[in-house]
Amino acid sequence: MFAPVNLHISKTIGLGELRQLFGGSKPAGKDESPYKASFAVQAQNLFNRTNNDLPVGNLSSPFFGQPTATLGGHGEGNRSSAGNRRITAQIKFEF
């Protein structure tokens, strides 16, 4: 069974809001600044569940019915990153 759990969280704030976070004063009226900062975190295979490859189908094999490899790359067939949790962070500045 292939069961990955992925999560993506992001927050975008205007430059005026960012100024307030660091102790600056609130600008009068609505923040008219065209500048924005976006912060994001993405997690792949959040619970770090190992996804096994197909089981051995050879009846004479001692491993019959058991998987001998893991399915990596989140279903893409890349076994080098099999079952690993991956967490990435991103900061984006828009102007």
PDB file of N, CA and C in Angstrom:
ATOM      1  N   MET A   1       0.848  -1.184   0.000  1.00  0.00           N
ATOM      2  CA  MET A   1       0.000   0.000   0.000  1.00  0.00           C
ATOM      3  C   MET A   1       0.891   1.244   0.000  1.00  0.00           C
ATOM      4  N   PHE A   2       0.566   2.193  -0.828  1.00  0.00           N
ATOM      5  CA  PHE A   2       1.325   3.441  -0.945  1.00  0.00           C
ATOM      6  C   PHE A   2       0.533   4.535  -0.258  1.00  0.00           C
ATOM      7  N   ALA A   3       1.059   5.092   0.830  1.00  0.00           N
ATOM      8  CA  ALA A   3       0.309   6.080   1.592  1.00  0.00           C
ATOM      9  C   ALA A   3       1.195   7.228   2.073  1.00  0.00           C
ATOM     10  N   PRO A   4       1.537   8.176   1.187  1.00  0.00           N
ATOM     11  CA  PRO A   4       2.306   9.327   1.653  1.00  0.00           C
ATOM     12  C   PRO A   4       1.394  10.394   2.246  1.00  0.00           C
ATOM     13  N   VAL A   5       1.896  11.140   3.192  1.00  0.00           N
ATOM     14  CA  VAL A   5       1.164  12.281   3.757  1.00  0.00           C
ATOM     15  C   VAL A   5       2.047  13.513   3.561  1.00  0.00           C
ATOM     16  N   ASN A   6       1.556  14.465   2.764  1.00  0.00           N
ATOM     17  CA  ASN A   6       2.298  15.691   2.471  1.00  0.00           C
ATOM     18  C   ASN A   6       1.564  16.879   3.076  1.00  0.00           C
ATOM     19  N   LEU A   7       2.317  17.933   3.422  1.00  0.00           N
ATOM     20  CA  LEU A   7       1.734  19.116   4.043  1.00  0.00           C
ATOM     21  C   LEU A   7       2.433  20.356   3.489  1.00  0.00           C
ATOM     22  N   HIS A   8       1.663  21.390   3.193  1.00  0.00           N
ATOM     23  CA  HIS A   8       2.221  22.661   2.724  1.00  0.00           C
ATOM     24  C   HIS A   8       1.503  23.785   3.459  1.00  0.00           C
ATOM     25  N   ILE A   9       2.276  24.643   4.130  1.00  0.00           N
ATOM     26  CA  ILE A   9       1.723  25.778   4.870  1.00  0.00           C
ATOM     27  C   ILE A   9       2.448  27.030   4.393  1.00  0.00           C
ATOM     28  N   SER A  10       1.672  28.094   4.111  1.00  0.00           N
ATOM     29  CA  SER A  10       2.307  29.345   3.703  1.00  0.00           C
ATOM     30  C   SER A  10       1.565  30.531   4.300  1.00  0.00           C
ATOM     31  N   LYS A  11       2.285  31.634   4.424  1.00  0.00           N
ATOM     32  CA  LYS A  11       1.733  32.875   4.959  1.00  0.00           C
ATOM     33  C   LYS A  11       2.351  34.023   4.181  1.00  0.00           C
ATOM     34  N   THR A  12       1.524  34.934   3.676  1.00  0.00           N
ATOM     35  CA  THR A  12       1.991  36.114   2.965  1.00  0.00           C
ATOM     36  C   THR A  12       1.609  37.342   3.773  1.00  0.00           C
ATOM     37  N   ILE A  13       2.587  38.215   3.998  1.00  0.00           N
ATOM     38  CA  ILE A  13       2.306  39.452   4.729  1.00  0.00           C
ATOM     39  C   ILE A  13       2.875  40.623   3.946  1.00  0.00           C
ATOM     40  N   GLY A  14       2.221  41.774   4.098  1.00  0.00           N
ATOM     41  CA  GLY A  14       2.684  42.999   3.452  1.00  0.00           C
ATOM     42  C   GLY A  14       3.847  43.606   4.209  1.00  0.00           C
ATOM     43  N   LEU A  15       4.572  44.498   3.579  1.00  0.00           N
ATOM     44  CA  LEU A  15       5.746  45.109   4.201  1.00  0.00           C
ATOM     45  C   LEU A  15       5.376  45.885   5.462  1.00  0.00           C
ATOM     46  N   GLY A  16       4.211  46.537   5.488  1.00  0.00           N
ATOM     47  CA  GLY A  16       3.774  47.253   6.684  1.00  0.00           C
ATOM     48  C   GLY A  16       3.571  46.323   7.859  1.00  0.00           C
ATOM     49  N   GLU A  17       2.991  45.138   7.621  1.00  0.00           N
ATOM     50  CA  GLU A  17       2.807  44.153   8.684  1.00  0.00           C
ATOM     51  C   GLU A  17       4.153  43.639   9.168  1.00  0.00           C
ATOM     52  N   LEU A  18       5.093  43.462   8.247  1.00  0.00           N
ATOM     53  CA  LEU A  18       6.423  42.999   8.609  1.00  0.00           C
ATOM     54  C   LEU A  18       7.130  44.024   9.499  1.00  0.00           C
ATOM     55  N   ARG A  19       6.930  45.289   9.205  1.00  0.00           N
ATOM     56  CA  ARG A  19       7.516  46.371   9.998  1.00  0.00           C
ATOM     57  C   ARG A  19       6.990  46.306  11.433  1.00  0.00           C
ATOM     58  N   GLN A  20       5.696  45.991  11.592  1.00  0.00           N
ATOM     59  CA  GLN A  20       5.101  45.898  12.928  1.00  0.00           C
ATOM     60  C   GLN A  20       5.696  44.743  13.721  1.00  0.00           C
ATOM     61  N   LEU A  21       6.003  43.620  13.049  1.00  0.00           N
ATOM     62  CA  LEU A  21       6.551  42.464  13.743  1.00  0.00           C
ATOM     63  C   LEU A  21       7.893  42.779  14.402  1.00  0.00           C
ATOM     64  N   PHE A  22       8.648  43.694  13.816  1.00  0.00           N
ATOM     65  CA  PHE A  22       9.962  44.041  14.342  1.00  0.00           C
ATOM     66  C   PHE A  22       9.942  45.331  15.158  1.00  0.00           C
ATOM     67  N   GLY A  23       8.782  45.724  15.680  1.00  0.00           N
ATOM     68  CA  GLY A  23       8.690  46.830  16.606  1.00  0.00           C
ATOM     69  C   GLY A  23       8.462  48.189  15.980  1.00  0.00           C
ATOM     70  N   GLY A  24       8.236  48.252  14.687  1.00  0.00           N
ATOM     71  CA  GLY A  24       7.981  49.539  14.043  1.00  0.00           C
ATOM     72  C   GLY A  24       6.548  49.993  14.282  1.00  0.00           C
ATOM     73  N   SER A  25       6.259  51.238  13.943  1.00  0.00           N
ATOM     74  CA  SER A  25       4.911  51.753  14.139  1.00  0.00           C
ATOM     75  C   SER A  25       4.010  51.356  12.967  1.00  0.00           C
ATOM     76  N   LYS A  26       2.726  51.282  13.246  1.00  0.00           N
ATOM     77  CA  LYS A  26       1.745  50.933  12.225  1.00  0.00           C
ATOM     78  C   LYS A  26       1.535  52.140  11.306  1.00  0.00           C
ATOM     79  N   PRO A  27       1.615  51.921   9.987  1.00  0.00           N
ATOM     80  CA  PRO A  27       1.397  53.041   9.076  1.00  0.00           C
ATOM     81  C   PRO A  27      -0.056  53.518   9.137  1.00  0.00           C
ATOM     82  N   ALA A  28      -0.262  54.812   8.917  1.00  0.00           N
ATOM     83  CA  ALA A  28      -1.614  55.370   8.949  1.00  0.00           C
ATOM     84  C   ALA A  28      -2.418  54.839   7.770  1.00  0.00           C
ATOM     85  N   GLY A  29      -3.630  54.421   8.035  1.00  0.00           N
ATOM     86  CA  GLY A  29      -4.501  53.915   6.971  1.00  0.00           C
ATOM     87  C   GLY A  29      -4.093  52.526   6.535  1.00  0.00           C
ATOM     88  N   LYS A  30      -4.595  52.131   5.388  1.00  0.00           N
ATOM     89  CA  LYS A  30      -4.318  50.804   4.844  1.00  0.00           C
ATOM     90  C   LYS A  30      -2.884  50.744   4.327  1.00  0.00           C
ATOM     91  N   ASP A  31      -2.264  49.573   4.456  1.00  0.00           N
ATOM     92  CA  ASP A  31      -0.900  49.381   3.946  1.00  0.00           C
ATOM     93  C   ASP A  31      -0.942  49.386   2.424  1.00  0.00           C
ATOM     94  N   GLU A  32      -0.423  50.428   1.828  1.00  0.00           N
ATOM     95  CA  GLU A  32      -0.443  50.585   0.382  1.00  0.00           C
ATOM     96  C   GLU A  32       0.831  50.064  -0.274  1.00  0.00           C
ATOM     97  N   SER A  33       1.709  49.489   0.486  1.00  0.00           N
ATOM     98  CA  SER A  33       2.981  49.024  -0.042  1.00  0.00           C
ATOM     99  C   SER A  33       2.781  47.869  -1.016  1.00  0.00           C
ATOM    100  N   PRO A  34       3.416  47.912  -2.187  1.00  0.00           N
ATOM    101  CA  PRO A  34       3.298  46.810  -3.142  1.00  0.00           C
ATOM    102  C   PRO A  34       4.223  45.644  -2.797  1.00  0.00           C
ATOM    103  N   TYR A  35       5.015  45.781  -1.756  1.00  0.00           N
ATOM    104  CA  TYR A  35       5.966  44.743  -1.384  1.00  0.00           C
ATOM    105  C   TYR A  35       5.335  43.747  -0.434  1.00  0.00           C
ATOM    106  N   LYS A  36       5.600  42.455  -0.681  1.00  0.00           N
ATOM    107  CA  LYS A  36       5.056  41.390   0.158  1.00  0.00           C
ATOM    108  C   LYS A  36       6.148  40.348   0.406  1.00  0.00           C
ATOM    109  N   ALA A  37       6.081  39.731   1.549  1.00  0.00           N
ATOM    110  CA  ALA A  37       6.984  38.629   1.879  1.00  0.00           C
ATOM    111  C   ALA A  37       6.140  37.389   2.136  1.00  0.00           C
ATOM    112  N   SER A  38       6.527  36.274   1.525  1.00  0.00           N
ATOM    113  CA  SER A  38       5.824  35.003   1.706  1.00  0.00           C
ATOM    114  C   SER A  38       6.758  34.003   2.371  1.00  0.00           C
ATOM    115  N   PHE A  39       6.246  33.306   3.368  1.00  0.00           N
ATOM    116  CA  PHE A  39       6.991  32.279   4.081  1.00  0.00           C
ATOM    117  C   PHE A  39       6.238  30.961   3.907  1.00  0.00           C
ATOM    118  N   ALA A  40       6.939  29.886   3.565  1.00  0.00           N
ATOM    119  CA  ALA A  40       6.286  28.598   3.340  1.00  0.00           C
ATOM    120  C   ALA A  40       7.144  27.455   3.872  1.00  0.00           C
ATOM    121  N   VAL A  41       6.468  26.400   4.329  1.00  0.00           N
ATOM    122  CA  VAL A  41       7.121  25.164   4.758  1.00  0.00           C
ATOM    123  C   VAL A  41       6.365  24.019   4.104  1.00  0.00           C
ATOM    124  N   GLN A  42       7.122  23.079   3.532  1.00  0.00           N
ATOM    125  CA  GLN A  42       6.504  21.918   2.890  1.00  0.00           C
ATOM    126  C   GLN A  42       7.153  20.657   3.435  1.00  0.00           C
ATOM    127  N   ALA A  43       6.332  19.673   3.784  1.00  0.00           N
ATOM    128  CA  ALA A  43       6.834  18.390   4.282  1.00  0.00           C
ATOM    129  C   ALA A  43       6.297  17.279   3.398  1.00  0.00           C
ATOM    130  N   GLN A  44       7.184  16.424   2.907  1.00  0.00           N
ATOM    131  CA  GLN A  44       6.794  15.249   2.140  1.00  0.00           C
ATOM    132  C   GLN A  44       7.050  14.020   2.999  1.00  0.00           C
ATOM    133  N   ASN A  45       6.125  13.074   2.971  1.00  0.00           N
ATOM    134  CA  ASN A  45       6.165  11.875   3.806  1.00  0.00           C
ATOM    135  C   ASN A  45       6.279  12.282   5.273  1.00  0.00           C
ATOM    136  N   LEU A  46       5.329  13.088   5.702  1.00  0.00           N
ATOM    137  CA  LEU A  46       5.334  13.723   7.020  1.00  0.00           C
ATOM    138  C   LEU A  46       5.528  12.738   8.171  1.00  0.00           C
ATOM    139  N   PHE A  47       4.892  11.584   8.113  1.00  0.00           N
ATOM    140  CA  PHE A  47       4.972  10.615   9.211  1.00  0.00           C
ATOM    141  C   PHE A  47       6.126   9.629   9.036  1.00  0.00           C
ATOM    142  N   ASN A  48       6.962   9.840   7.985  1.00  0.00           N
ATOM    143  CA  ASN A  48       8.142   9.031   7.710  1.00  0.00           C
ATOM    144  C   ASN A  48       7.803   7.554   7.578  1.00  0.00           C
ATOM    145  N   ARG A  49       6.713   7.261   6.885  1.00  0.00           N
ATOM    146  CA  ARG A  49       6.281   5.886   6.651  1.00  0.00           C
ATOM    147  C   ARG A  49       7.075   5.305   5.488  1.00  0.00           C
ATOM    148  N   THR A  50       7.628   4.112   5.654  1.00  0.00           N
ATOM    149  CA  THR A  50       8.357   3.454   4.584  1.00  0.00           C
ATOM    150  C   THR A  50       7.364   2.769   3.659  1.00  0.00           C
ATOM    151  N   ASN A  51       7.417   3.099   2.383  1.00  0.00           N
ATOM    152  CA  ASN A  51       6.554   2.491   1.376  1.00  0.00           C
ATOM    153  C   ASN A  51       7.335   1.403   0.660  1.00  0.00           C
ATOM    154  N   ASN A  52       6.908   0.142   0.817  1.00  0.00           N
ATOM    155  CA  ASN A  52       7.616  -0.992   0.243  1.00  0.00           C
ATOM    156  C   ASN A  52       7.299  -1.152  -1.239  1.00  0.00           C
ATOM    157  N   ASP A  53       8.280  -1.703  -1.968  1.00  0.00           N
ATOM    158  CA  ASP A  53       8.114  -2.018  -3.379  1.00  0.00           C
ATOM    159  C   ASP A  53       7.261  -3.290  -3.498  1.00  0.00           C
ATOM    160  N   LEU A  54       7.035  -3.743  -4.704  1.00  0.00           N
ATOM    161  CA  LEU A  54       6.233  -4.944  -4.929  1.00  0.00           C
ATOM    162  C   LEU A  54       6.912  -6.160  -4.296  1.00  0.00           C
ATOM    163  N   PRO A  55       6.121  -7.137  -3.797  1.00  0.00           N
ATOM    164  CA  PRO A  55       6.721  -8.338  -3.206  1.00  0.00           C
ATOM    165  C   PRO A  55       7.294  -9.256  -4.292  1.00  0.00           C
ATOM    166  N   VAL A  56       8.191 -10.148  -3.873  1.00  0.00           N
ATOM    167  CA  VAL A  56       8.791 -11.133  -4.776  1.00  0.00           C
ATOM    168  C   VAL A  56       7.706 -12.112  -5.199  1.00  0.00           C
ATOM    169  N   GLY A  57       7.632 -12.391  -6.507  1.00  0.00           N
ATOM    170  CA  GLY A  57       6.600 -13.289  -7.023  1.00  0.00           C
ATOM    171  C   GLY A  57       7.104 -14.654  -7.424  1.00  0.00           C
ATOM    172  N   ASN A  58       8.381 -14.949  -7.213  1.00  0.00           N
ATOM    173  CA  ASN A  58       8.970 -16.235  -7.575  1.00  0.00           C
ATOM    174  C   ASN A  58       8.674 -17.235  -6.467  1.00  0.00           C
ATOM    175  N   LEU A  59       7.934 -18.310  -6.801  1.00  0.00           N
ATOM    176  CA  LEU A  59       7.532 -19.294  -5.784  1.00  0.00           C
ATOM    177  C   LEU A  59       8.710 -20.027  -5.148  1.00  0.00           C
ATOM    178  N   SER A  60       9.822 -20.164  -5.879  1.00  0.00           N
ATOM    179  CA  SER A  60      10.962 -20.898  -5.333  1.00  0.00           C
ATOM    180  C   SER A  60      11.887 -20.000  -4.501  1.00  0.00           C
ATOM    181  N   SER A  61      11.604 -18.721  -4.420  1.00  0.00           N
ATOM    182  CA  SER A  61      12.441 -17.799  -3.661  1.00  0.00           C
ATOM    183  C   SER A  61      12.112 -17.869  -2.168  1.00  0.00           C
ATOM    184  N   PRO A  62      13.135 -17.796  -1.312  1.00  0.00           N
ATOM    185  CA  PRO A  62      12.856 -17.766   0.133  1.00  0.00           C
ATOM    186  C   PRO A  62      12.183 -16.453   0.553  1.00  0.00           C
ATOM    187  N   PHE A  63      12.199 -15.458  -0.330  1.00  0.00           N
ATOM    188  CA  PHE A  63      11.567 -14.171  -0.036  1.00  0.00           C
ATOM    189  C   PHE A  63      10.202 -14.036  -0.698  1.00  0.00           C
ATOM    190  N   PHE A  64       9.586 -15.144  -1.109  1.00  0.00           N
ATOM    191  CA  PHE A  64       8.293 -15.093  -1.788  1.00  0.00           C
ATOM    192  C   PHE A  64       7.259 -14.355  -0.931  1.00  0.00           C
ATOM    193  N   GLY A  65       6.588 -13.386  -1.541  1.00  0.00           N
ATOM    194  CA  GLY A  65       5.537 -12.637  -0.856  1.00  0.00           C
ATOM    195  C   GLY A  65       6.036 -11.491   0.001  1.00  0.00           C
ATOM    196  N   GLN A  66       7.370 -11.308   0.063  1.00  0.00           N
ATOM    197  CA  GLN A  66       7.938 -10.235   0.874  1.00  0.00           C
ATOM    198  C   GLN A  66       8.606  -9.204  -0.038  1.00  0.00           C
ATOM    199  N   PRO A  67       8.460  -7.930   0.270  1.00  0.00           N
ATOM    200  CA  PRO A  67       9.181  -6.925  -0.515  1.00  0.00           C
ATOM    201  C   PRO A  67      10.657  -6.919  -0.117  1.00  0.00           C
ATOM    202  N   THR A  68      11.542  -6.791  -1.092  1.00  0.00           N
ATOM    203  CA  THR A  68      12.978  -6.768  -0.805  1.00  0.00           C
ATOM    204  C   THR A  68      13.577  -5.381  -1.041  1.00  0.00           C
ATOM    205  N   ALA A  69      12.722  -4.426  -1.395  1.00  0.00           N
ATOM    206  CA  ALA A  69      13.183  -3.058  -1.637  1.00  0.00           C
ATOM    207  C   ALA A  69      12.082  -2.097  -1.190  1.00  0.00           C
ATOM    208  N   THR A  70      12.449  -0.840  -1.098  1.00  0.00           N
ATOM    209  CA  THR A  70      11.464   0.181  -0.762  1.00  0.00           C
ATOM    210  C   THR A  70      11.167   1.018  -1.995  1.00  0.00           C
ATOM    211  N   LEU A  71       9.973   1.544  -2.047  1.00  0.00           N
ATOM    212  CA  LEU A  71       9.544   2.387  -3.151  1.00  0.00           C
ATOM    213  C   LEU A  71       9.882   3.816  -2.787  1.00  0.00           C
ATOM    214  N   GLY A  72      10.758   4.453  -3.526  1.00  0.00           N
ATOM    215  CA  GLY A  72      11.210   5.792  -3.193  1.00  0.00           C
ATOM    216  C   GLY A  72      10.648   6.839  -4.125  1.00  0.00           C
ATOM    217  N   GLY A  73      11.023   8.085  -3.908  1.00  0.00           N
ATOM    218  CA  GLY A  73      10.606   9.178  -4.772  1.00  0.00           C
ATOM    219  C   GLY A  73       9.125   9.426  -4.759  1.00  0.00           C
ATOM    220  N   HIS A  74       8.433   8.985  -3.730  1.00  0.00           N
ATOM    221  CA  HIS A  74       6.988   9.169  -3.583  1.00  0.00           C
ATOM    222  C   HIS A  74       6.234   8.615  -4.787  1.00  0.00           C
ATOM    223  N   GLY A  75       6.570   7.374  -5.180  1.00  0.00           N
ATOM    224  CA  GLY A  75       5.857   6.703  -6.253  1.00  0.00           C
ATOM    225  C   GLY A  75       6.467   6.883  -7.617  1.00  0.00           C
ATOM    226  N   GLU A  76       7.600   7.552  -7.707  1.00  0.00           N
ATOM    227  CA  GLU A  76       8.215   7.811  -9.003  1.00  0.00           C
ATOM    228  C   GLU A  76       9.270   6.768  -9.362  1.00  0.00           C
ATOM    229  N   GLY A  77       9.493   5.779  -8.526  1.00  0.00           N
ATOM    230  CA  GLY A  77      10.432   4.727  -8.838  1.00  0.00           C
ATOM    231  C   GLY A  77      11.889   5.046  -8.532  1.00  0.00           C
ATOM    232  N   ASN A  78      12.182   6.130  -7.876  1.00  0.00           N
ATOM    233  CA  ASN A  78      13.550   6.495  -7.521  1.00  0.00           C
ATOM    234  C   ASN A  78      13.859   5.916  -6.147  1.00  0.00           C
ATOM    235  N   ARG A  79      14.680   4.875  -6.095  1.00  0.00           N
ATOM    236  CA  ARG A  79      14.921   4.184  -4.829  1.00  0.00           C
ATOM    237  C   ARG A  79      15.985   4.856  -3.960  1.00  0.00           C
ATOM    238  N   SER A  80      16.653   5.898  -4.449  1.00  0.00           N
ATOM    239  CA  SER A  80      17.719   6.504  -3.667  1.00  0.00           C
ATOM    240  C   SER A  80      17.194   7.282  -2.457  1.00  0.00           C
ATOM    241  N   SER A  81      15.969   7.755  -2.503  1.00  0.00           N
ATOM    242  CA  SER A  81      15.412   8.513  -1.378  1.00  0.00           C
ATOM    243  C   SER A  81      14.216   7.782  -0.776  1.00  0.00           C
ATOM    244  N   ALA A  82      14.272   6.461  -0.759  1.00  0.00           N
ATOM    245  CA  ALA A  82      13.133   5.646  -0.355  1.00  0.00           C
ATOM    246  C   ALA A  82      12.707   5.899   1.081  1.00  0.00           C
ATOM    247  N   GLY A  83      11.466   6.276   1.271  1.00  0.00           N
ATOM    248  CA  GLY A  83      10.884   6.392   2.595  1.00  0.00           C
ATOM    249  C   GLY A  83      11.396   7.534   3.441  1.00  0.00           C
ATOM    250  N   ASN A  84      12.137   8.432   2.879  1.00  0.00           N
ATOM    251  CA  ASN A  84      12.694   9.512   3.690  1.00  0.00           C
ATOM    252  C   ASN A  84      11.723  10.682   3.797  1.00  0.00           C
ATOM    253  N   ARG A  85      11.685  11.271   4.978  1.00  0.00           N
ATOM    254  CA  ARG A  85      10.921  12.502   5.169  1.00  0.00           C
ATOM    255  C   ARG A  85      11.740  13.644   4.585  1.00  0.00           C
ATOM    256  N   ARG A  86      11.061  14.579   3.923  1.00  0.00           N
ATOM    257  CA  ARG A  86      11.753  15.737   3.350  1.00  0.00           C
ATOM    258  C   ARG A  86      10.989  16.989   3.766  1.00  0.00           C
ATOM    259  N   ILE A  87      11.690  17.924   4.404  1.00  0.00           N
ATOM    260  CA  ILE A  87      11.078  19.188   4.835  1.00  0.00           C
ATOM    261  C   ILE A  87      11.860  20.327   4.183  1.00  0.00           C
ATOM    262  N   THR A  88      11.143  21.202   3.487  1.00  0.00           N
ATOM    263  CA  THR A  88      11.785  22.344   2.835  1.00  0.00           C
ATOM    264  C   THR A  88      11.102  23.635   3.285  1.00  0.00           C
ATOM    265  N   ALA A  89      11.889  24.705   3.351  1.00  0.00           N
ATOM    266  CA  ALA A  89      11.368  26.017   3.724  1.00  0.00           C
ATOM    267  C   ALA A  89      11.648  26.983   2.580  1.00  0.00           C
ATOM    268  N   GLN A  90      10.770  27.973   2.429  1.00  0.00           N
ATOM    269  CA  GLN A  90      10.903  28.929   1.344  1.00  0.00           C
ATOM    270  C   GLN A  90      10.541  30.316   1.843  1.00  0.00           C
ATOM    271  N   ILE A  91      11.321  31.312   1.413  1.00  0.00           N
ATOM    272  CA  ILE A  91      11.006  32.710   1.658  1.00  0.00           C
ATOM    273  C   ILE A  91      10.988  33.397   0.300  1.00  0.00           C
ATOM    274  N   LYS A  92       9.912  34.091   0.016  1.00  0.00           N
ATOM    275  CA  LYS A  92       9.767  34.760  -1.284  1.00  0.00           C
ATOM    276  C   LYS A  92       9.430  36.227  -1.057  1.00  0.00           C
ATOM    277  N   PHE A  93      10.098  37.098  -1.781  1.00  0.00           N
ATOM    278  CA  PHE A  93       9.852  38.535  -1.693  1.00  0.00           C
ATOM    279  C   PHE A  93       9.222  38.986  -3.009  1.00  0.00           C
ATOM    280  N   GLU A  94       8.050  39.582  -2.935  1.00  0.00           N
ATOM    281  CA  GLU A  94       7.334  40.024  -4.132  1.00  0.00           C
ATOM    282  C   GLU A  94       7.365  41.546  -4.204  1.00  0.00           C
ATOM    283  N   PHE A  95       7.626  42.062  -5.400  1.00  0.00           N
ATOM    284  CA  PHE A  95       7.615  43.505  -5.610  1.00  0.00           C
ATOM    285  C   PHE A  95       7.072  43.812  -6.979  1.00  0.00           C
TER     286      PHE A  95
END
